Amino acid sequence: MTTTTAQETAVRVPARDTGSEIRRHELAAFLRSRRERIAPERVGLP
């Protein structure tokens, strides 16, 4: 049986992004920018 520490598992970061990871980051940035431009008044909130 092997054990790993929390630090060992938290450090696992891919050396480079794959195509799907890049697209996911781009989509996240796009959605964040759209959300920042929406005012509550524009969608019927007080």
N, C-alpha and C. Protein backbone atom coordinates (compact mmCIF):
# COMPACT_ATOMS: atom_id res chain seq x y z
N MET A 1 0.84 -1.17 0.00
CA MET A 1 0.00 0.00 0.00
C MET A 1 0.88 1.24 0.00
N THR A 2 0.54 2.19 -0.88
CA THR A 2 1.30 3.43 -0.91
C THR A 2 0.41 4.58 -0.46
N THR A 3 1.04 5.55 0.12
CA THR A 3 0.29 6.73 0.56
C THR A 3 0.88 7.96 -0.11
N THR A 4 0.02 8.91 -0.35
CA THR A 4 0.48 10.19 -0.90
C THR A 4 0.00 11.30 0.00
N THR A 5 0.78 12.33 0.05
CA THR A 5 0.39 13.48 0.86
C THR A 5 -0.44 14.44 0.03
N ALA A 6 -1.13 15.34 0.70
CA ALA A 6 -1.93 16.34 -0.01
C ALA A 6 -1.05 17.20 -0.90
N GLN A 7 0.15 17.48 -0.44
CA GLN A 7 1.05 18.32 -1.23
C GLN A 7 1.42 17.62 -2.53
N GLU A 8 1.67 16.32 -2.49
CA GLU A 8 2.02 15.58 -3.70
C GLU A 8 0.88 15.60 -4.72
N THR A 9 -0.34 15.45 -4.27
CA THR A 9 -1.46 15.42 -5.20
C THR A 9 -1.79 16.80 -5.73
N ALA A 10 -1.55 17.85 -4.96
CA ALA A 10 -1.87 19.21 -5.39
C ALA A 10 -0.87 19.73 -6.41
N VAL A 11 0.30 19.15 -6.49
CA VAL A 11 1.35 19.64 -7.37
C VAL A 11 1.21 19.11 -8.79
N ARG A 12 0.38 18.15 -9.02
CA ARG A 12 0.25 17.54 -10.35
C ARG A 12 -0.39 18.52 -11.33
N VAL A 13 0.46 19.17 -12.10
CA VAL A 13 0.01 20.13 -13.11
C VAL A 13 0.58 19.68 -14.44
N PRO A 14 -0.25 19.63 -15.49
CA PRO A 14 0.28 19.21 -16.78
C PRO A 14 1.35 20.18 -17.28
N ALA A 15 2.33 19.64 -17.98
CA ALA A 15 3.43 20.46 -18.47
C ALA A 15 2.93 21.49 -19.49
N ARG A 16 1.93 21.10 -20.30
CA ARG A 16 1.36 22.04 -21.27
C ARG A 16 -0.11 21.74 -21.44
N ASP A 17 -0.85 22.75 -21.81
CA ASP A 17 -2.28 22.57 -22.00
C ASP A 17 -2.56 21.80 -23.27
N THR A 18 -3.56 20.96 -23.22
CA THR A 18 -4.01 20.28 -24.42
C THR A 18 -4.98 21.20 -25.15
N GLY A 19 -5.36 20.84 -26.34
CA GLY A 19 -6.29 21.66 -27.12
C GLY A 19 -7.59 21.88 -26.40
N SER A 20 -8.12 20.84 -25.76
CA SER A 20 -9.41 21.00 -25.07
C SER A 20 -9.27 21.90 -23.85
N GLU A 21 -8.14 21.85 -23.17
CA GLU A 21 -7.93 22.73 -22.01
C GLU A 21 -7.82 24.18 -22.45
N ILE A 22 -7.17 24.43 -23.57
CA ILE A 22 -7.05 25.78 -24.09
C ILE A 22 -8.42 26.32 -24.44
N ARG A 23 -9.23 25.51 -25.13
CA ARG A 23 -10.59 25.94 -25.49
C ARG A 23 -11.43 26.21 -24.24
N ARG A 24 -11.26 25.38 -23.22
CA ARG A 24 -12.02 25.56 -21.98
C ARG A 24 -11.65 26.89 -21.32
N HIS A 25 -10.36 27.22 -21.30
CA HIS A 25 -9.92 28.49 -20.72
C HIS A 25 -10.43 29.68 -21.54
N GLU A 26 -10.42 29.54 -22.88
CA GLU A 26 -10.93 30.61 -23.73
C GLU A 26 -12.42 30.81 -23.50
N LEU A 27 -13.17 29.72 -23.40
CA LEU A 27 -14.61 29.81 -23.15
C LEU A 27 -14.88 30.45 -21.79
N ALA A 28 -14.12 30.06 -20.79
CA ALA A 28 -14.29 30.63 -19.45
C ALA A 28 -14.04 32.14 -19.48
N ALA A 29 -13.01 32.57 -20.17
CA ALA A 29 -12.71 34.00 -20.26
C ALA A 29 -13.83 34.74 -20.99
N PHE A 30 -14.34 34.15 -22.07
CA PHE A 30 -15.44 34.76 -22.81
C PHE A 30 -16.68 34.90 -21.94
N LEU A 31 -17.04 33.85 -21.23
CA LEU A 31 -18.24 33.89 -20.39
C LEU A 31 -18.09 34.89 -19.25
N ARG A 32 -16.88 34.96 -18.67
CA ARG A 32 -16.64 35.95 -17.61
C ARG A 32 -16.81 37.37 -18.14
N SER A 33 -16.27 37.64 -19.33
CA SER A 33 -16.37 38.99 -19.89
C SER A 33 -17.82 39.34 -20.19
N ARG A 34 -18.60 38.38 -20.68
CA ARG A 34 -20.02 38.63 -20.95
C ARG A 34 -20.77 38.89 -19.64
N ARG A 35 -20.49 38.10 -18.64
CA ARG A 35 -21.17 38.25 -17.35
C ARG A 35 -20.85 39.61 -16.72
N GLU A 36 -19.61 40.08 -16.88
CA GLU A 36 -19.22 41.37 -16.31
C GLU A 36 -19.97 42.53 -16.96
N ARG A 37 -20.39 42.37 -18.22
CA ARG A 37 -21.08 43.44 -18.94
C ARG A 37 -22.57 43.48 -18.67
N ILE A 38 -23.12 42.47 -18.03
CA ILE A 38 -24.56 42.42 -17.78
C ILE A 38 -24.87 43.16 -16.48
N ALA A 39 -25.74 44.15 -16.59
CA ALA A 39 -26.20 44.88 -15.41
C ALA A 39 -27.50 44.25 -14.92
N PRO A 40 -27.71 44.16 -13.63
CA PRO A 40 -28.95 43.56 -13.11
C PRO A 40 -30.20 44.22 -13.68
N GLU A 41 -30.16 45.54 -13.89
CA GLU A 41 -31.31 46.26 -14.42
C GLU A 41 -31.67 45.80 -15.84
N ARG A 42 -30.67 45.41 -16.60
CA ARG A 42 -30.91 44.99 -17.99
C ARG A 42 -31.64 43.66 -18.07
N VAL A 43 -31.58 42.88 -17.02
CA VAL A 43 -32.25 41.57 -17.04
C VAL A 43 -33.44 41.52 -16.09
N GLY A 44 -33.92 42.72 -15.70
CA GLY A 44 -35.13 42.79 -14.91
C GLY A 44 -34.98 42.62 -13.41
N LEU A 45 -33.78 42.75 -12.90
CA LEU A 45 -33.57 42.66 -11.45
C LEU A 45 -33.53 44.06 -10.86
N PRO A 46 -33.94 44.20 -9.61
CA PRO A 46 -33.93 45.54 -8.97
C PRO A 46 -32.52 46.06 -8.73
